[in-house]
Amino acid sequence: MQLHEVLEDFTSYMRDARGALEHLDVLRDPWIYRVFLMPSTLQVDLAFAPATHFQARARTFKLVFGEAAAASHIADPDPRELIGYAWLYALHARSSIARGRRWQAEYMIGLMRDQIVSLACVRLGLPAREARGADRLPDAVTRPLEAALIGGLERADLVPAFAAATEVLIREIRGFDEFLATRLTPTLAALLESVE
């Protein structure tokens, strides 16, 4: 039986016998995670992979029966990539604030925060993908980020949230690489000055 046929069989079963309302495919080649939304708000995830790729993809994997290929856990995100996206989103947040694009600014500041949380998780050895380790971060990391939560769309709301996110970003970069933080801090600080 081909993968497509297996997916369709399981989808029919989930809709007809279990009442699934809708599904979404999350692709992690060659894996397909078919995620079903149930009327009760339950989320049911079914993973499909060729037998040659059936293996642990997370540290929490436990084989119940059958055989699995040698484990190859999904690596944590690259800290340099997280930092790169964070400063890129900071540039866009600054521009959005300056142009009065309030929703775009809110979105970019949120993306900055996401990168910062992931970077802190990587630095502290916590699961970094999808904020899985975020609630285990120490208060010293999360408390300053609370100021980066946006309470409204006015400039008076956006600028302080952007400033808080930028300050925490600089601290997190410093925790990863002091030399990189020294190089980036003047430019990141200039972003703040340009919106105040």
C-alpha atoms as a PDB file:
ATOM      1  CA  MET A   1       0.000   0.000   0.000  1.00  0.00           C
ATOM      2  CA  GLN A   2       1.353   3.469  -0.911  1.00  0.00           C
ATOM      3  CA  LEU A   3       1.715   6.245   1.657  1.00  0.00           C
ATOM      4  CA  HIS A   4      -1.033   8.298   0.012  1.00  0.00           C
ATOM      5  CA  GLU A   5      -3.470   5.390   0.333  1.00  0.00           C
ATOM      6  CA  VAL A   6      -2.558   4.860   3.999  1.00  0.00           C
ATOM      7  CA  LEU A   7      -3.087   8.550   4.713  1.00  0.00           C
ATOM      8  CA  GLU A   8      -6.486   8.482   3.036  1.00  0.00           C
ATOM      9  CA  ASP A   9      -7.532   5.313   4.913  1.00  0.00           C
ATOM     10  CA  PHE A  10      -6.630   6.828   8.281  1.00  0.00           C
ATOM     11  CA  THR A  11      -8.261  10.132   7.353  1.00  0.00           C
ATOM     12  CA  SER A  12     -11.503   8.394   6.383  1.00  0.00           C
ATOM     13  CA  TYR A  13     -11.453   6.446   9.633  1.00  0.00           C
ATOM     14  CA  MET A  14     -10.823   9.578  11.710  1.00  0.00           C
ATOM     15  CA  ARG A  15     -13.638  11.477   9.986  1.00  0.00           C
ATOM     16  CA  ASP A  16     -16.223   8.680   9.686  1.00  0.00           C
ATOM     17  CA  ALA A  17     -15.633   6.699  12.874  1.00  0.00           C
ATOM     18  CA  ARG A  18     -14.199   9.372  15.160  1.00  0.00           C
ATOM     19  CA  GLY A  19     -15.845  12.568  13.898  1.00  0.00           C
ATOM     20  CA  ALA A  20     -12.708  14.540  13.027  1.00  0.00           C
ATOM     21  CA  LEU A  21     -13.673  17.961  11.720  1.00  0.00           C
ATOM     22  CA  GLU A  22     -10.568  18.848   9.768  1.00  0.00           C
ATOM     23  CA  HIS A  23      -6.922  17.943   9.393  1.00  0.00           C
ATOM     24  CA  LEU A  24      -3.592  19.601   8.685  1.00  0.00           C
ATOM     25  CA  ASP A  25      -0.439  17.970   7.351  1.00  0.00           C
ATOM     26  CA  VAL A  26       2.783  19.056   9.028  1.00  0.00           C
ATOM     27  CA  LEU A  27       5.614  17.972   6.746  1.00  0.00           C
ATOM     28  CA  ARG A  28       9.032  17.014   8.094  1.00  0.00           C
ATOM     29  CA  ASP A  29      10.344  15.171   5.064  1.00  0.00           C
ATOM     30  CA  PRO A  30       9.966  12.249   4.734  1.00  0.00           C
ATOM     31  CA  TRP A  31       7.592  12.259   7.739  1.00  0.00           C
ATOM     32  CA  ILE A  32       4.013  13.465   7.524  1.00  0.00           C
ATOM     33  CA  TYR A  33       2.225  14.360  10.730  1.00  0.00           C
ATOM     34  CA  ARG A  34      -1.502  14.426  10.040  1.00  0.00           C
ATOM     35  CA  VAL A  35      -3.071  16.520  12.777  1.00  0.00           C
ATOM     36  CA  PHE A  36      -6.817  16.147  13.320  1.00  0.00           C
ATOM     37  CA  LEU A  37      -9.152  18.613  15.015  1.00  0.00           C
ATOM     38  CA  MET A  38     -11.851  16.838  17.012  1.00  0.00           C
ATOM     39  CA  PRO A  39     -15.213  18.383  17.994  1.00  0.00           C
ATOM     40  CA  SER A  40     -14.170  18.175  21.660  1.00  0.00           C
ATOM     41  CA  THR A  41     -11.154  20.450  20.834  1.00  0.00           C
ATOM     42  CA  LEU A  42      -8.838  17.441  21.196  1.00  0.00           C
ATOM     43  CA  GLN A  43      -5.923  17.360  18.784  1.00  0.00           C
ATOM     44  CA  VAL A  44      -4.961  13.930  17.458  1.00  0.00           C
ATOM     45  CA  ASP A  45      -1.582  13.612  15.725  1.00  0.00           C
ATOM     46  CA  LEU A  46      -0.776  10.610  13.564  1.00  0.00           C
ATOM     47  CA  ALA A  47       2.735  10.296  12.184  1.00  0.00           C
ATOM     48  CA  PHE A  48       3.523   8.508   8.938  1.00  0.00           C
ATOM     49  CA  ALA A  49       6.994   7.634   7.698  1.00  0.00           C
ATOM     50  CA  PRO A  50       8.625   5.030   5.484  1.00  0.00           C
ATOM     51  CA  ALA A  51       9.871   2.077   7.559  1.00  0.00           C
ATOM     52  CA  THR A  52      13.474   2.999   6.763  1.00  0.00           C
ATOM     53  CA  HIS A  53      12.933   6.379   8.464  1.00  0.00           C
ATOM     54  CA  PHE A  54      10.917   5.200  11.464  1.00  0.00           C
ATOM     55  CA  GLN A  55      13.083   6.291  14.373  1.00  0.00           C
ATOM     56  CA  ALA A  56      13.215   8.479  17.444  1.00  0.00           C
ATOM     57  CA  ARG A  57      12.901  12.132  16.493  1.00  0.00           C
ATOM     58  CA  ALA A  58      12.779  13.453  20.041  1.00  0.00           C
ATOM     59  CA  ARG A  59      14.482  12.560  23.297  1.00  0.00           C
ATOM     60  CA  THR A  60      11.119  11.457  24.728  1.00  0.00           C
ATOM     61  CA  PHE A  61      10.555   8.693  22.121  1.00  0.00           C
ATOM     62  CA  LYS A  62       9.736   5.264  23.575  1.00  0.00           C
ATOM     63  CA  LEU A  63       9.277   2.294  21.272  1.00  0.00           C
ATOM     64  CA  VAL A  64       6.287   0.215  22.376  1.00  0.00           C
ATOM     65  CA  PHE A  65       6.569  -2.580  19.810  1.00  0.00           C
ATOM     66  CA  GLY A  66       8.234  -3.319  16.505  1.00  0.00           C
ATOM     67  CA  GLU A  67      11.596  -2.084  15.340  1.00  0.00           C
ATOM     68  CA  ALA A  68      12.998   1.380  14.820  1.00  0.00           C
ATOM     69  CA  ALA A  69      15.952   2.617  12.840  1.00  0.00           C
ATOM     70  CA  ALA A  70      18.860   4.164  14.714  1.00  0.00           C
ATOM     71  CA  ALA A  71      17.844   7.362  16.447  1.00  0.00           C
ATOM     72  CA  SER A  72      18.669  10.716  14.927  1.00  0.00           C
ATOM     73  CA  HIS A  73      17.073  13.371  17.081  1.00  0.00           C
ATOM     74  CA  ILE A  74      16.029  16.631  15.530  1.00  0.00           C
ATOM     75  CA  ALA A  75      18.739  19.096  16.419  1.00  0.00           C
ATOM     76  CA  ASP A  76      18.044  22.239  18.396  1.00  0.00           C
ATOM     77  CA  PRO A  77      17.857  25.385  16.314  1.00  0.00           C
ATOM     78  CA  ASP A  78      21.184  26.987  15.458  1.00  0.00           C
ATOM     79  CA  PRO A  79      21.771  29.859  17.923  1.00  0.00           C
ATOM     80  CA  ARG A  80      23.356  32.008  15.211  1.00  0.00           C
ATOM     81  CA  GLU A  81      20.284  31.574  13.037  1.00  0.00           C
ATOM     82  CA  LEU A  82      18.008  32.493  15.962  1.00  0.00           C
ATOM     83  CA  ILE A  83      20.116  35.595  16.585  1.00  0.00           C
ATOM     84  CA  GLY A  84      20.081  36.469  12.893  1.00  0.00           C
ATOM     85  CA  TYR A  85      16.315  36.246  12.646  1.00  0.00           C
ATOM     86  CA  ALA A  86      15.926  38.216  15.877  1.00  0.00           C
ATOM     87  CA  TRP A  87      17.959  41.171  14.614  1.00  0.00           C
ATOM     88  CA  LEU A  88      16.216  40.950  11.234  1.00  0.00           C
ATOM     89  CA  TYR A  89      12.815  41.124  12.951  1.00  0.00           C
ATOM     90  CA  ALA A  90      14.143  44.001  15.077  1.00  0.00           C
ATOM     91  CA  LEU A  91      14.960  45.939  11.896  1.00  0.00           C
ATOM     92  CA  HIS A  92      11.457  45.324  10.587  1.00  0.00           C
ATOM     93  CA  ALA A  93       9.852  46.191  13.932  1.00  0.00           C
ATOM     94  CA  ARG A  94      11.718  49.510  13.999  1.00  0.00           C
ATOM     95  CA  SER A  95      10.670  50.317  10.415  1.00  0.00           C
ATOM     96  CA  SER A  96       7.075  49.308  11.090  1.00  0.00           C
ATOM     97  CA  ILE A  97       6.881  51.560  14.149  1.00  0.00           C
ATOM     98  CA  ALA A  98       8.433  54.463  12.244  1.00  0.00           C
ATOM     99  CA  ARG A  99       5.945  54.059   9.380  1.00  0.00           C
ATOM    100  CA  GLY A 100       2.942  53.737  11.671  1.00  0.00           C
ATOM    101  CA  ARG A 101       2.313  50.133  10.645  1.00  0.00           C
ATOM    102  CA  ARG A 102       1.048  49.095  14.032  1.00  0.00           C
ATOM    103  CA  TRP A 103      -0.064  45.548  13.252  1.00  0.00           C
ATOM    104  CA  GLN A 104       3.137  44.768  11.394  1.00  0.00           C
ATOM    105  CA  ALA A 105       5.159  46.196  14.299  1.00  0.00           C
ATOM    106  CA  GLU A 106       3.242  44.033  16.764  1.00  0.00           C
ATOM    107  CA  TYR A 107       3.860  40.986  14.582  1.00  0.00           C
ATOM    108  CA  MET A 108       7.614  41.665  14.237  1.00  0.00           C
ATOM    109  CA  ILE A 109       8.086  42.273  17.958  1.00  0.00           C
ATOM    110  CA  GLY A 110       6.309  38.972  18.619  1.00  0.00           C
ATOM    111  CA  LEU A 111       8.655  37.202  16.200  1.00  0.00           C
ATOM    112  CA  MET A 112      11.634  38.788  17.976  1.00  0.00           C
ATOM    113  CA  ARG A 113      10.315  37.436  21.276  1.00  0.00           C
ATOM    114  CA  ASP A 114       9.933  33.965  19.767  1.00  0.00           C
ATOM    115  CA  GLN A 115      13.573  33.933  18.660  1.00  0.00           C
ATOM    116  CA  ILE A 116      14.729  35.198  22.059  1.00  0.00           C
ATOM    117  CA  VAL A 117      12.791  32.481  23.900  1.00  0.00           C
ATOM    118  CA  SER A 118      14.230  29.810  21.600  1.00  0.00           C
ATOM    119  CA  LEU A 119      17.750  31.198  22.040  1.00  0.00           C
ATOM    120  CA  ALA A 120      17.383  31.145  25.843  1.00  0.00           C
ATOM    121  CA  CYS A 121      16.118  27.554  25.679  1.00  0.00           C
ATOM    122  CA  VAL A 122      19.101  26.467  23.566  1.00  0.00           C
ATOM    123  CA  ARG A 123      21.517  28.264  25.906  1.00  0.00           C
ATOM    124  CA  LEU A 124      20.033  26.536  28.957  1.00  0.00           C
ATOM    125  CA  GLY A 125      19.675  23.073  27.378  1.00  0.00           C
ATOM    126  CA  LEU A 126      15.864  23.135  27.260  1.00  0.00           C
ATOM    127  CA  PRO A 127      13.715  22.027  24.317  1.00  0.00           C
ATOM    128  CA  ALA A 128      13.783  25.022  21.992  1.00  0.00           C
ATOM    129  CA  ARG A 129      11.330  24.174  19.234  1.00  0.00           C
ATOM    130  CA  GLU A 130       7.757  25.410  19.537  1.00  0.00           C
ATOM    131  CA  ALA A 131       8.516  26.960  22.949  1.00  0.00           C
ATOM    132  CA  ARG A 132       8.461  23.516  24.567  1.00  0.00           C
ATOM    133  CA  GLY A 133      11.009  24.570  27.184  1.00  0.00           C
ATOM    134  CA  ALA A 134       9.761  28.146  27.640  1.00  0.00           C
ATOM    135  CA  ASP A 135       7.863  27.490  30.848  1.00  0.00           C
ATOM    136  CA  ARG A 136      10.992  26.022  32.416  1.00  0.00           C
ATOM    137  CA  LEU A 137      13.073  29.132  31.750  1.00  0.00           C
ATOM    138  CA  PRO A 138      14.174  30.907  34.934  1.00  0.00           C
ATOM    139  CA  ASP A 139      12.464  34.110  36.026  1.00  0.00           C
ATOM    140  CA  ALA A 140      15.681  35.990  35.305  1.00  0.00           C
ATOM    141  CA  VAL A 141      15.031  35.312  31.602  1.00  0.00           C
ATOM    142  CA  THR A 142      11.251  35.522  31.418  1.00  0.00           C
ATOM    143  CA  ARG A 143      10.539  38.424  33.773  1.00  0.00           C
ATOM    144  CA  PRO A 144      12.291  41.031  31.570  1.00  0.00           C
ATOM    145  CA  LEU A 145      10.479  39.602  28.526  1.00  0.00           C
ATOM    146  CA  GLU A 146       7.115  40.368  30.115  1.00  0.00           C
ATOM    147  CA  ALA A 147       7.729  44.014  29.247  1.00  0.00           C
ATOM    148  CA  ALA A 148       7.970  42.922  25.597  1.00  0.00           C
ATOM    149  CA  LEU A 149       4.357  41.718  25.674  1.00  0.00           C
ATOM    150  CA  ILE A 150       2.344  44.297  23.792  1.00  0.00           C
ATOM    151  CA  GLY A 151      -0.698  45.721  25.538  1.00  0.00           C
ATOM    152  CA  GLY A 152      -1.995  47.790  22.643  1.00  0.00           C
ATOM    153  CA  LEU A 153      -1.249  49.082  19.177  1.00  0.00           C
ATOM    154  CA  GLU A 154      -0.402  52.680  19.984  1.00  0.00           C
ATOM    155  CA  ARG A 155       3.155  53.904  19.604  1.00  0.00           C
ATOM    156  CA  ALA A 156       3.231  54.268  23.406  1.00  0.00           C
ATOM    157  CA  ASP A 157       2.637  50.499  23.649  1.00  0.00           C
ATOM    158  CA  LEU A 158       4.882  49.379  20.795  1.00  0.00           C
ATOM    159  CA  VAL A 159       8.043  51.350  21.580  1.00  0.00           C
ATOM    160  CA  PRO A 160       8.491  50.095  25.176  1.00  0.00           C
ATOM    161  CA  ALA A 161       7.758  46.512  24.110  1.00  0.00           C
ATOM    162  CA  PHE A 162      10.298  46.818  21.293  1.00  0.00           C
ATOM    163  CA  ALA A 163      12.858  48.306  23.698  1.00  0.00           C
ATOM    164  CA  ALA A 164      12.340  45.487  26.202  1.00  0.00           C
ATOM    165  CA  ALA A 165      12.669  42.810  23.501  1.00  0.00           C
ATOM    166  CA  THR A 166      15.833  44.432  22.178  1.00  0.00           C
ATOM    167  CA  GLU A 167      17.418  44.670  25.627  1.00  0.00           C
ATOM    168  CA  VAL A 168      16.686  41.004  26.362  1.00  0.00           C
ATOM    169  CA  LEU A 169      18.009  40.058  22.914  1.00  0.00           C
ATOM    170  CA  ILE A 170      21.305  41.785  23.685  1.00  0.00           C
ATOM    171  CA  ARG A 171      21.548  39.883  27.005  1.00  0.00           C
ATOM    172  CA  GLU A 172      20.791  36.567  25.329  1.00  0.00           C
ATOM    173  CA  ILE A 173      23.363  37.188  22.599  1.00  0.00           C
ATOM    174  CA  ARG A 174      25.894  38.006  25.321  1.00  0.00           C
ATOM    175  CA  GLY A 175      25.046  34.701  27.050  1.00  0.00           C
ATOM    176  CA  PHE A 176      25.815  32.890  23.817  1.00  0.00           C
ATOM    177  CA  ASP A 177      28.781  34.830  22.425  1.00  0.00           C
ATOM    178  CA  GLU A 178      30.303  37.878  24.134  1.00  0.00           C
ATOM    179  CA  PHE A 179      32.237  38.917  21.018  1.00  0.00           C
ATOM    180  CA  LEU A 180      29.118  38.803  18.836  1.00  0.00           C
ATOM    181  CA  ALA A 181      27.195  40.794  21.452  1.00  0.00           C
ATOM    182  CA  THR A 182      29.914  43.439  21.482  1.00  0.00           C
ATOM    183  CA  ARG A 183      29.685  43.744  17.679  1.00  0.00           C
ATOM    184  CA  LEU A 184      25.879  43.878  17.529  1.00  0.00           C
ATOM    185  CA  THR A 185      25.012  45.949  20.613  1.00  0.00           C
ATOM    186  CA  PRO A 186      25.772  49.411  19.166  1.00  0.00           C
ATOM    187  CA  THR A 187      23.571  48.762  16.134  1.00  0.00           C
ATOM    188  CA  LEU A 188      20.768  47.251  18.175  1.00  0.00           C
ATOM    189  CA  ALA A 189      20.936  50.211  20.582  1.00  0.00           C
ATOM    190  CA  ALA A 190      20.770  52.576  17.586  1.00  0.00           C
ATOM    191  CA  LEU A 191      17.517  50.912  16.548  1.00  0.00           C
ATOM    192  CA  LEU A 192      16.022  51.881  19.893  1.00  0.00           C
ATOM    193  CA  GLU A 193      17.246  55.461  19.632  1.00  0.00           C
ATOM    194  CA  SER A 194      15.677  55.804  16.197  1.00  0.00           C
ATOM    195  CA  VAL A 195      12.157  55.035  17.467  1.00  0.00           C
ATOM    196  CA  GLU A 196      12.211  56.920  20.773  1.00  0.00           C
END
